[in-house]
């Protein structure tokens, strides 16, 4: 069985040009793939930062606010001075507002 390309013979120059064209095409495809994957990696890193690190900071901030609230509530009944009680009450209102905003 003979192919229809039997009479078609390429010279060495045509073969080299074909090889160069294929190489350039493959290098272009690899470069495009590398650029695409680098953009994907950048997006994933940004998403990880947003989802992980910032939420961790929010959790730590919430933990600090809850600890401050617990200390204020725990120390309030022990105080007998009206001025000190007013200061604690004002601070407690501010902390509760921050807690409500954080939740």
PDB file of N, CA and C in Angstrom:
ATOM      1  N   UNK A   1       0.847  -1.161   0.000  1.00  0.00           N
ATOM      2  CA  UNK A   1       0.000   0.000   0.000  1.00  0.00           C
ATOM      3  C   UNK A   1       0.899   1.233   0.000  1.00  0.00           C
ATOM      4  N   UNK A   2       0.731   2.038  -0.990  1.00  0.00           N
ATOM      5  CA  UNK A   2       1.550   3.230  -1.126  1.00  0.00           C
ATOM      6  C   UNK A   2       0.720   4.461  -0.788  1.00  0.00           C
ATOM      7  N   UNK A   3       1.376   5.380  -0.106  1.00  0.00           N
ATOM      8  CA  UNK A   3       0.696   6.623   0.277  1.00  0.00           C
ATOM      9  C   UNK A   3       0.658   7.574  -0.906  1.00  0.00           C
ATOM     10  N   UNK A   4      -0.278   8.480  -0.858  1.00  0.00           N
ATOM     11  CA  UNK A   4      -0.389   9.456  -1.932  1.00  0.00           C
ATOM     12  C   UNK A   4       0.731  10.493  -1.856  1.00  0.00           C
ATOM     13  N   UNK A   5       1.447  10.481  -0.749  1.00  0.00           N
ATOM     14  CA  UNK A   5       2.550  11.420  -0.580  1.00  0.00           C
ATOM     15  C   UNK A   5       3.858  10.883  -1.152  1.00  0.00           C
ATOM     16  N   UNK A   6       3.811   9.791  -1.815  1.00  0.00           N
ATOM     17  CA  UNK A   6       5.037   9.156  -2.308  1.00  0.00           C
ATOM     18  C   UNK A   6       5.807  10.084  -3.238  1.00  0.00           C
ATOM     19  N   UNK A   7       5.124  10.761  -4.105  1.00  0.00           N
ATOM     20  CA  UNK A   7       5.795  11.644  -5.043  1.00  0.00           C
ATOM     21  C   UNK A   7       6.226  12.956  -4.408  1.00  0.00           C
ATOM     22  N   UNK A   8       5.738  13.242  -3.227  1.00  0.00           N
ATOM     23  CA  UNK A   8       6.038  14.500  -2.551  1.00  0.00           C
ATOM     24  C   UNK A   8       7.255  14.313  -1.669  1.00  0.00           C
ATOM     25  N   UNK A   9       8.360  14.893  -2.084  1.00  0.00           N
ATOM     26  CA  UNK A   9       9.587  14.785  -1.288  1.00  0.00           C
ATOM     27  C   UNK A   9      10.001  16.189  -0.879  1.00  0.00           C
ATOM     28  N   UNK A  10      10.302  16.311   0.403  1.00  0.00           N
ATOM     29  CA  UNK A  10      10.732  17.602   0.920  1.00  0.00           C
ATOM     30  C   UNK A  10      12.252  17.646   0.932  1.00  0.00           C
ATOM     31  N   UNK A  11      12.774  18.820   0.677  1.00  0.00           N
ATOM     32  CA  UNK A  11      14.212  19.008   0.761  1.00  0.00           C
ATOM     33  C   UNK A  11      14.623  19.220   2.209  1.00  0.00           C
ATOM     34  N   UNK A  12      15.911  19.246   2.451  1.00  0.00           N
ATOM     35  CA  UNK A  12      16.427  19.419   3.806  1.00  0.00           C
ATOM     36  C   UNK A  12      16.005  20.768   4.377  1.00  0.00           C
ATOM     37  N   UNK A  13      15.969  21.813   3.548  1.00  0.00           N
ATOM     38  CA  UNK A  13      15.577  23.140   4.020  1.00  0.00           C
ATOM     39  C   UNK A  13      14.116  23.138   4.477  1.00  0.00           C
ATOM     40  N   UNK A  14      13.249  22.506   3.724  1.00  0.00           N
ATOM     41  CA  UNK A  14      11.833  22.454   4.098  1.00  0.00           C
ATOM     42  C   UNK A  14      11.644  21.684   5.394  1.00  0.00           C
ATOM     43  N   UNK A  15      12.398  20.615   5.562  1.00  0.00           N
ATOM     44  CA  UNK A  15      12.303  19.838   6.806  1.00  0.00           C
ATOM     45  C   UNK A  15      12.781  20.659   7.995  1.00  0.00           C
ATOM     46  N   UNK A  16      13.857  21.413   7.816  1.00  0.00           N
ATOM     47  CA  UNK A  16      14.363  22.263   8.903  1.00  0.00           C
ATOM     48  C   UNK A  16      13.370  23.384   9.235  1.00  0.00           C
ATOM     49  N   UNK A  17      12.764  23.997   8.204  1.00  0.00           N
ATOM     50  CA  UNK A  17      11.764  25.035   8.456  1.00  0.00           C
ATOM     51  C   UNK A  17      10.559  24.467   9.209  1.00  0.00           C
ATOM     52  N   UNK A  18      10.147  23.281   8.837  1.00  0.00           N
ATOM     53  CA  UNK A  18       9.040  22.631   9.528  1.00  0.00           C
ATOM     54  C   UNK A  18       9.400  22.349  10.984  1.00  0.00           C
ATOM     55  N   UNK A  19      10.632  21.893  11.201  1.00  0.00           N
ATOM     56  CA  UNK A  19      11.100  21.620  12.566  1.00  0.00           C
ATOM     57  C   UNK A  19      11.141  22.903  13.393  1.00  0.00           C
ATOM     58  N   UNK A  20      11.626  23.979  12.809  1.00  0.00           N
ATOM     59  CA  UNK A  20      11.687  25.264  13.507  1.00  0.00           C
ATOM     60  C   UNK A  20      10.278  25.764  13.815  1.00  0.00           C
ATOM     61  N   UNK A  21       9.373  25.654  12.852  1.00  0.00           N
ATOM     62  CA  UNK A  21       7.998  26.106  13.073  1.00  0.00           C
ATOM     63  C   UNK A  21       7.331  25.318  14.197  1.00  0.00           C
ATOM     64  N   UNK A  22       7.526  24.012  14.209  1.00  0.00           N
ATOM     65  CA  UNK A  22       6.963  23.193  15.292  1.00  0.00           C
ATOM     66  C   UNK A  22       7.580  23.559  16.640  1.00  0.00           C
ATOM     67  N   UNK A  23       8.880  23.791  16.656  1.00  0.00           N
ATOM     68  CA  UNK A  23       9.554  24.164  17.911  1.00  0.00           C
ATOM     69  C   UNK A  23       9.048  25.494  18.424  1.00  0.00           C
ATOM     70  N   UNK A  24       8.915  26.471  17.538  1.00  0.00           N
ATOM     71  CA  UNK A  24       8.406  27.778  17.956  1.00  0.00           C
ATOM     72  C   UNK A  24       6.974  27.649  18.470  1.00  0.00           C
ATOM     73  N   UNK A  25       6.166  26.855  17.802  1.00  0.00           N
ATOM     74  CA  UNK A  25       4.798  26.646  18.256  1.00  0.00           C
ATOM     75  C   UNK A  25       4.738  26.007  19.639  1.00  0.00           C
ATOM     76  N   UNK A  26       5.582  25.015  19.856  1.00  0.00           N
ATOM     77  CA  UNK A  26       5.596  24.347  21.161  1.00  0.00           C
ATOM     78  C   UNK A  26       6.124  25.264  22.269  1.00  0.00           C
ATOM     79  N   UNK A  27       7.161  26.036  21.966  1.00  0.00           N
ATOM     80  CA  UNK A  27       7.696  26.962  22.972  1.00  0.00           C
ATOM     81  C   UNK A  27       6.653  28.035  23.300  1.00  0.00           C
ATOM     82  N   UNK A  28       5.945  28.507  22.288  1.00  0.00           N
ATOM     83  CA  UNK A  28       4.880  29.488  22.522  1.00  0.00           C
ATOM     84  C   UNK A  28       3.773  28.890  23.392  1.00  0.00           C
ATOM     85  N   UNK A  29       3.407  27.657  23.120  1.00  0.00           N
ATOM     86  CA  UNK A  29       2.375  26.996  23.925  1.00  0.00           C
ATOM     87  C   UNK A  29       2.848  26.819  25.367  1.00  0.00           C
ATOM     88  N   UNK A  30       4.101  26.449  25.560  1.00  0.00           N
ATOM     89  CA  UNK A  30       4.635  26.289  26.918  1.00  0.00           C
ATOM     90  C   UNK A  30       4.688  27.621  27.655  1.00  0.00           C
ATOM     91  N   UNK A  31       5.092  28.680  26.951  1.00  0.00           N
ATOM     92  CA  UNK A  31       5.138  29.997  27.585  1.00  0.00           C
ATOM     93  C   UNK A  31       3.732  30.454  27.969  1.00  0.00           C
ATOM     94  N   UNK A  32       2.778  30.238  27.072  1.00  0.00           N
ATOM     95  CA  UNK A  32       1.392  30.611  27.390  1.00  0.00           C
ATOM     96  C   UNK A  32       0.858  29.822  28.569  1.00  0.00           C
ATOM     97  N   UNK A  33       1.169  28.528  28.620  1.00  0.00           N
ATOM     98  CA  UNK A  33       0.748  27.712  29.758  1.00  0.00           C
ATOM     99  C   UNK A  33       1.382  28.166  31.054  1.00  0.00           C
ATOM    100  N   UNK A  34       2.659  28.553  31.000  1.00  0.00           N
ATOM    101  CA  UNK A  34       3.341  29.028  32.212  1.00  0.00           C
ATOM    102  C   UNK A  34       2.730  30.336  32.702  1.00  0.00           C
ATOM    103  N   UNK A  35       2.413  31.232  31.780  1.00  0.00           N
ATOM    104  CA  UNK A  35       1.782  32.502  32.172  1.00  0.00           C
ATOM    105  C   UNK A  35       0.406  32.249  32.779  1.00  0.00           C
ATOM    106  N   UNK A  36      -0.361  31.386  32.148  1.00  0.00           N
ATOM    107  CA  UNK A  36      -1.695  31.059  32.661  1.00  0.00           C
ATOM    108  C   UNK A  36      -1.606  30.458  34.060  1.00  0.00           C
ATOM    109  N   UNK A  37      -0.695  29.504  34.243  1.00  0.00           N
ATOM    110  CA  UNK A  37      -0.578  28.856  35.549  1.00  0.00           C
ATOM    111  C   UNK A  37      -0.038  29.802  36.610  1.00  0.00           C
ATOM    112  N   UNK A  38       0.822  30.734  36.231  1.00  0.00           N
ATOM    113  CA  UNK A  38       1.316  31.694  37.218  1.00  0.00           C
ATOM    114  C   UNK A  38       0.191  32.614  37.681  1.00  0.00           C
ATOM    115  N   UNK A  39      -0.690  32.988  36.765  1.00  0.00           N
ATOM    116  CA  UNK A  39      -1.838  33.821  37.147  1.00  0.00           C
ATOM    117  C   UNK A  39      -2.791  33.038  38.050  1.00  0.00           C
ATOM    118  N   UNK A  40      -2.973  31.760  37.744  1.00  0.00           N
ATOM    119  CA  UNK A  40      -3.818  30.919  38.595  1.00  0.00           C
ATOM    120  C   UNK A  40      -3.213  30.800  39.993  1.00  0.00           C
ATOM    121  N   UNK A  41      -1.892  30.610  40.060  1.00  0.00           N
ATOM    122  CA  UNK A  41      -1.227  30.487  41.357  1.00  0.00           C
ATOM    123  C   UNK A  41      -1.337  31.789  42.146  1.00  0.00           C
ATOM    124  N   UNK A  42      -1.233  32.910  41.460  1.00  0.00           N
ATOM    125  CA  UNK A  42      -1.381  34.199  42.128  1.00  0.00           C
ATOM    126  C   UNK A  42      -2.794  34.359  42.685  1.00  0.00           C
ATOM    127  N   UNK A  43      -3.788  33.960  41.901  1.00  0.00           N
ATOM    128  CA  UNK A  43      -5.175  34.047  42.356  1.00  0.00           C
ATOM    129  C   UNK A  43      -5.409  33.149  43.566  1.00  0.00           C
ATOM    130  N   UNK A  44      -4.869  31.933  43.526  1.00  0.00           N
ATOM    131  CA  UNK A  44      -5.041  30.998  44.641  1.00  0.00           C
ATOM    132  C   UNK A  44      -4.354  31.535  45.893  1.00  0.00           C
ATOM    133  N   UNK A  45      -3.161  32.106  45.729  1.00  0.00           N
ATOM    134  CA  UNK A  45      -2.458  32.671  46.884  1.00  0.00           C
ATOM    135  C   UNK A  45      -3.248  33.822  47.487  1.00  0.00           C
ATOM    136  N   UNK A  46      -3.815  34.661  46.642  1.00  0.00           N
ATOM    137  CA  UNK A  46      -4.624  35.772  47.145  1.00  0.00           C
ATOM    138  C   UNK A  46      -5.867  35.255  47.867  1.00  0.00           C
ATOM    139  N   UNK A  47      -6.503  34.249  47.298  1.00  0.00           N
ATOM    140  CA  UNK A  47      -7.692  33.675  47.933  1.00  0.00           C
ATOM    141  C   UNK A  47      -7.340  33.031  49.269  1.00  0.00           C
ATOM    142  N   UNK A  48      -6.201  32.360  49.313  1.00  0.00           N
ATOM    143  CA  UNK A  48      -5.758  31.741  50.567  1.00  0.00           C
ATOM    144  C   UNK A  48      -5.486  32.800  51.620  1.00  0.00           C
ATOM    145  N   UNK A  49      -4.866  33.891  51.212  1.00  0.00           N
ATOM    146  CA  UNK A  49      -4.601  34.979  52.145  1.00  0.00           C
ATOM    147  C   UNK A  49      -5.907  35.558  52.660  1.00  0.00           C
ATOM    148  N   UNK A  50      -6.835  35.832  51.735  1.00  0.00           N
ATOM    149  CA  UNK A  50      -8.129  36.399  52.132  1.00  0.00           C
ATOM    150  C   UNK A  50      -8.881  35.450  53.064  1.00  0.00           C
ATOM    151  N   UNK A  51      -8.951  34.184  52.688  1.00  0.00           N
ATOM    152  CA  UNK A  51      -9.758  33.230  53.443  1.00  0.00           C
ATOM    153  C   UNK A  51      -9.099  32.815  54.745  1.00  0.00           C
ATOM    154  N   UNK A  52      -7.799  32.642  54.722  1.00  0.00           N
ATOM    155  CA  UNK A  52      -7.125  32.096  55.889  1.00  0.00           C
ATOM    156  C   UNK A  52      -6.587  33.143  56.837  1.00  0.00           C
ATOM    157  N   UNK A  53      -5.673  33.943  56.341  1.00  0.00           N
ATOM    158  CA  UNK A  53      -4.943  34.859  57.217  1.00  0.00           C
ATOM    159  C   UNK A  53      -5.840  35.946  57.786  1.00  0.00           C
ATOM    160  N   UNK A  54      -6.657  36.564  56.943  1.00  0.00           N
ATOM    161  CA  UNK A  54      -7.513  37.643  57.432  1.00  0.00           C
ATOM    162  C   UNK A  54      -8.586  37.126  58.385  1.00  0.00           C
ATOM    163  N   UNK A  55      -9.108  35.925  58.132  1.00  0.00           N
ATOM    164  CA  UNK A  55     -10.084  35.356  59.058  1.00  0.00           C
ATOM    165  C   UNK A  55      -9.423  34.990  60.387  1.00  0.00           C
ATOM    166  N   UNK A  56      -8.158  34.574  60.327  1.00  0.00           N
ATOM    167  CA  UNK A  56      -7.431  34.295  61.558  1.00  0.00           C
ATOM    168  C   UNK A  56      -7.243  35.570  62.363  1.00  0.00           C
ATOM    169  N   UNK A  57      -6.930  36.674  61.673  1.00  0.00           N
ATOM    170  CA  UNK A  57      -6.806  37.952  62.371  1.00  0.00           C
ATOM    171  C   UNK A  57      -8.142  38.366  62.987  1.00  0.00           C
ATOM    172  N   UNK A  58      -9.219  38.165  62.262  1.00  0.00           N
ATOM    173  CA  UNK A  58     -10.536  38.502  62.805  1.00  0.00           C
ATOM    174  C   UNK A  58     -10.863  37.653  64.035  1.00  0.00           C
ATOM    175  N   UNK A  59     -10.502  36.382  63.982  1.00  0.00           N
ATOM    176  CA  UNK A  59     -10.766  35.494  65.118  1.00  0.00           C
ATOM    177  C   UNK A  59      -9.957  35.922  66.337  1.00  0.00           C
ATOM    178  N   UNK A  60      -8.689  36.289  66.108  1.00  0.00           N
ATOM    179  CA  UNK A  60      -7.868  36.743  67.225  1.00  0.00           C
ATOM    180  C   UNK A  60      -8.399  38.052  67.800  1.00  0.00           C
ATOM    181  N   UNK A  61      -8.862  38.939  66.940  1.00  0.00           N
ATOM    182  CA  UNK A  61      -9.436  40.190  67.409  1.00  0.00           C
ATOM    183  C   UNK A  61     -10.701  39.920  68.220  1.00  0.00           C
ATOM    184  N   UNK A  62     -11.517  39.006  67.734  1.00  0.00           N
ATOM    185  CA  UNK A  62     -12.737  38.637  68.446  1.00  0.00           C
ATOM    186  C   UNK A  62     -12.397  38.013  69.798  1.00  0.00           C
ATOM    187  N   UNK A  63     -11.364  37.189  69.829  1.00  0.00           N
ATOM    188  CA  UNK A  63     -10.937  36.573  71.078  1.00  0.00           C
ATOM    189  C   UNK A  63     -10.486  37.634  72.081  1.00  0.00           C
ATOM    190  N   UNK A  64      -9.758  38.631  71.605  1.00  0.00           N
ATOM    191  CA  UNK A  64      -9.313  39.712  72.502  1.00  0.00           C
ATOM    192  C   UNK A  64     -10.501  40.504  73.029  1.00  0.00           C
ATOM    193  N   UNK A  65     -11.463  40.785  72.143  1.00  0.00           N
ATOM    194  CA  UNK A  65     -12.646  41.520  72.584  1.00  0.00           C
ATOM    195  C   UNK A  65     -13.451  40.729  73.612  1.00  0.00           C
ATOM    196  N   UNK A  66     -13.595  39.436  73.387  1.00  0.00           N
ATOM    197  CA  UNK A  66     -14.325  38.609  74.354  1.00  0.00           C
ATOM    198  C   UNK A  66     -13.598  38.560  75.701  1.00  0.00           C
ATOM    199  N   UNK A  67     -12.280  38.470  75.659  1.00  0.00           N
ATOM    200  CA  UNK A  67     -11.503  38.461  76.905  1.00  0.00           C
ATOM    201  C   UNK A  67     -11.653  39.792  77.638  1.00  0.00           C
ATOM    202  N   UNK A  68     -11.605  40.907  76.897  1.00  0.00           N
ATOM    203  CA  UNK A  68     -11.781  42.222  77.521  1.00  0.00           C
ATOM    204  C   UNK A  68     -13.185  42.351  78.101  1.00  0.00           C
ATOM    205  N   UNK A  69     -14.175  41.854  77.383  1.00  0.00           N
ATOM    206  CA  UNK A  69     -15.558  41.889  77.872  1.00  0.00           C
ATOM    207  C   UNK A  69     -15.703  41.064  79.148  1.00  0.00           C
ATOM    208  N   UNK A  70     -15.095  39.885  79.154  1.00  0.00           N
ATOM    209  CA  UNK A  70     -15.174  39.023  80.334  1.00  0.00           C
ATOM    210  C   UNK A  70     -14.538  39.703  81.547  1.00  0.00           C
ATOM    211  N   UNK A  71     -13.377  40.348  81.347  1.00  0.00           N
ATOM    212  CA  UNK A  71     -12.717  41.032  82.467  1.00  0.00           C
ATOM    213  C   UNK A  71     -13.543  42.201  82.975  1.00  0.00           C
ATOM    214  N   UNK A  72     -14.152  42.961  82.060  1.00  0.00           N
ATOM    215  CA  UNK A  72     -14.977  44.099  82.483  1.00  0.00           C
ATOM    216  C   UNK A  72     -16.200  43.638  83.261  1.00  0.00           C
ATOM    217  N   UNK A  73     -16.861  42.609  82.763  1.00  0.00           N
ATOM    218  CA  UNK A  73     -18.047  42.096  83.447  1.00  0.00           C
ATOM    219  C   UNK A  73     -17.666  41.493  84.794  1.00  0.00           C
ATOM    220  N   UNK A  74     -16.537  40.815  84.837  1.00  0.00           N
ATOM    221  CA  UNK A  74     -16.107  40.188  86.095  1.00  0.00           C
ATOM    222  C   UNK A  74     -15.702  41.199  87.158  1.00  0.00           C
ATOM    223  N   UNK A  75     -15.148  42.335  86.741  1.00  0.00           N
ATOM    224  CA  UNK A  75     -14.676  43.312  87.725  1.00  0.00           C
ATOM    225  C   UNK A  75     -15.742  44.338  88.097  1.00  0.00           C
ATOM    226  N   UNK A  76     -16.790  44.454  87.335  1.00  0.00           N
ATOM    227  CA  UNK A  76     -17.796  45.487  87.578  1.00  0.00           C
ATOM    228  C   UNK A  76     -18.496  45.355  88.927  1.00  0.00           C
ATOM    229  N   UNK A  77     -18.983  44.196  89.336  1.00  0.00           N
ATOM    230  CA  UNK A  77     -19.699  44.145  90.609  1.00  0.00           C
ATOM    231  C   UNK A  77     -18.809  44.405  91.829  1.00  0.00           C
ATOM    232  N   UNK A  78     -17.532  44.211  91.703  1.00  0.00           N
ATOM    233  CA  UNK A  78     -16.636  44.404  92.841  1.00  0.00           C
ATOM    234  C   UNK A  78     -16.395  45.884  93.116  1.00  0.00           C
ATOM    235  N   UNK A  79     -16.651  46.736  92.149  1.00  0.00           N
ATOM    236  CA  UNK A  79     -16.419  48.170  92.322  1.00  0.00           C
ATOM    237  C   UNK A  79     -17.615  48.823  93.009  1.00  0.00           C
ATOM    238  N   UNK A  80     -17.317  49.754  93.906  1.00  0.00           N
ATOM    239  CA  UNK A  80     -18.385  50.454  94.608  1.00  0.00           C
ATOM    240  C   UNK A  80     -18.433  51.924  94.251  1.00  0.00           C
ATOM    241  N   UNK A  81     -17.378  52.432  93.651  1.00  0.00           N
ATOM    242  CA  UNK A  81     -17.357  53.855  93.299  1.00  0.00           C
ATOM    243  C   UNK A  81     -18.185  54.083  92.036  1.00  0.00           C
ATOM    244  N   UNK A  82     -19.037  55.106  92.104  1.00  0.00           N
ATOM    245  CA  UNK A  82     -19.907  55.383  90.974  1.00  0.00           C
ATOM    246  C   UNK A  82     -19.125  55.819  89.735  1.00  0.00           C
ATOM    247  N   UNK A  83     -18.094  56.610  89.917  1.00  0.00           N
ATOM    248  CA  UNK A  83     -17.286  57.060  88.777  1.00  0.00           C
ATOM    249  C   UNK A  83     -16.661  55.862  88.064  1.00  0.00           C
ATOM    250  N   UNK A  84     -16.099  54.971  88.839  1.00  0.00           N
ATOM    251  CA  UNK A  84     -15.450  53.788  88.248  1.00  0.00           C
ATOM    252  C   UNK A  84     -16.487  52.905  87.547  1.00  0.00           C
ATOM    253  N   UNK A  85     -17.671  52.770  88.158  1.00  0.00           N
ATOM    254  CA  UNK A  85     -18.729  51.981  87.538  1.00  0.00           C
ATOM    255  C   UNK A  85     -19.184  52.594  86.209  1.00  0.00           C
ATOM    256  N   UNK A  86     -19.270  53.942  86.151  1.00  0.00           N
ATOM    257  CA  UNK A  86     -19.650  54.594  84.901  1.00  0.00           C
ATOM    258  C   UNK A  86     -18.594  54.363  83.819  1.00  0.00           C
ATOM    259  N   UNK A  87     -17.318  54.466  84.194  1.00  0.00           N
ATOM    260  CA  UNK A  87     -16.235  54.223  83.230  1.00  0.00           C
ATOM    261  C   UNK A  87     -16.297  52.793  82.695  1.00  0.00           C
ATOM    262  N   UNK A  88     -16.513  51.855  83.603  1.00  0.00           N
ATOM    263  CA  UNK A  88     -16.590  50.450  83.183  1.00  0.00           C
ATOM    264  C   UNK A  88     -17.806  50.234  82.286  1.00  0.00           C
ATOM    265  N   UNK A  89     -18.926  50.872  82.647  1.00  0.00           N
ATOM    266  CA  UNK A  89     -20.132  50.720  81.840  1.00  0.00           C
ATOM    267  C   UNK A  89     -19.924  51.297  80.440  1.00  0.00           C
ATOM    268  N   UNK A  90     -19.275  52.458  80.334  1.00  0.00           N
ATOM    269  CA  UNK A  90     -19.007  53.061  79.024  1.00  0.00           C
ATOM    270  C   UNK A  90     -18.056  52.179  78.206  1.00  0.00           C
ATOM    271  N   UNK A  91     -17.032  51.672  78.852  1.00  0.00           N
ATOM    272  CA  UNK A  91     -16.093  50.785  78.163  1.00  0.00           C
ATOM    273  C   UNK A  91     -16.795  49.515  77.730  1.00  0.00           C
ATOM    274  N   UNK A  92     -17.669  49.007  78.566  1.00  0.00           N
ATOM    275  CA  UNK A  92     -18.424  47.800  78.247  1.00  0.00           C
ATOM    276  C   UNK A  92     -19.333  48.015  77.041  1.00  0.00           C
ATOM    277  N   UNK A  93     -19.952  49.175  76.968  1.00  0.00           N
ATOM    278  CA  UNK A  93     -20.815  49.491  75.825  1.00  0.00           C
ATOM    279  C   UNK A  93     -19.985  49.526  74.536  1.00  0.00           C
ATOM    280  N   UNK A  94     -18.795  50.114  74.601  1.00  0.00           N
ATOM    281  CA  UNK A  94     -17.919  50.185  73.420  1.00  0.00           C
ATOM    282  C   UNK A  94     -17.488  48.784  72.996  1.00  0.00           C
ATOM    283  N   UNK A  95     -17.079  47.958  73.968  1.00  0.00           N
ATOM    284  CA  UNK A  95     -16.637  46.599  73.662  1.00  0.00           C
ATOM    285  C   UNK A  95     -17.776  45.765  73.093  1.00  0.00           C
ATOM    286  N   UNK A  96     -18.966  45.913  73.664  1.00  0.00           N
ATOM    287  CA  UNK A  96     -20.127  45.167  73.148  1.00  0.00           C
ATOM    288  C   UNK A  96     -20.465  45.605  71.734  1.00  0.00           C
ATOM    289  N   UNK A  97     -20.318  46.883  71.433  1.00  0.00           N
ATOM    290  CA  UNK A  97     -20.566  47.366  70.064  1.00  0.00           C
ATOM    291  C   UNK A  97     -19.549  46.766  69.096  1.00  0.00           C
ATOM    292  N   UNK A  98     -18.288  46.702  69.516  1.00  0.00           N
ATOM    293  CA  UNK A  98     -17.259  46.091  68.672  1.00  0.00           C
ATOM    294  C   UNK A  98     -17.520  44.609  68.473  1.00  0.00           C
ATOM    295  N   UNK A  99     -17.966  43.941  69.530  1.00  0.00           N
ATOM    296  CA  UNK A  99     -18.307  42.519  69.410  1.00  0.00           C
ATOM    297  C   UNK A  99     -19.460  42.306  68.444  1.00  0.00           C
ATOM    298  N   UNK A 100     -20.467  43.162  68.550  1.00  0.00           N
ATOM    299  CA  UNK A 100     -21.613  43.023  67.653  1.00  0.00           C
ATOM    300  C   UNK A 100     -21.194  43.286  66.199  1.00  0.00           C
ATOM    301  N   UNK A 101     -20.288  44.230  65.999  1.00  0.00           N
ATOM    302  CA  UNK A 101     -19.812  44.502  64.640  1.00  0.00           C
ATOM    303  C   UNK A 101     -18.956  43.351  64.116  1.00  0.00           C
ATOM    304  N   UNK A 102     -18.192  42.715  65.001  1.00  0.00           N
ATOM    305  CA  UNK A 102     -17.323  41.619  64.573  1.00  0.00           C
ATOM    306  C   UNK A 102     -18.110  40.369  64.230  1.00  0.00           C
ATOM    307  N   UNK A 103     -19.260  40.194  64.868  1.00  0.00           N
ATOM    308  CA  UNK A 103     -20.083  39.009  64.604  1.00  0.00           C
ATOM    309  C   UNK A 103     -20.960  39.282  63.423  1.00  0.00           C
TER     310      UNK A 103
END
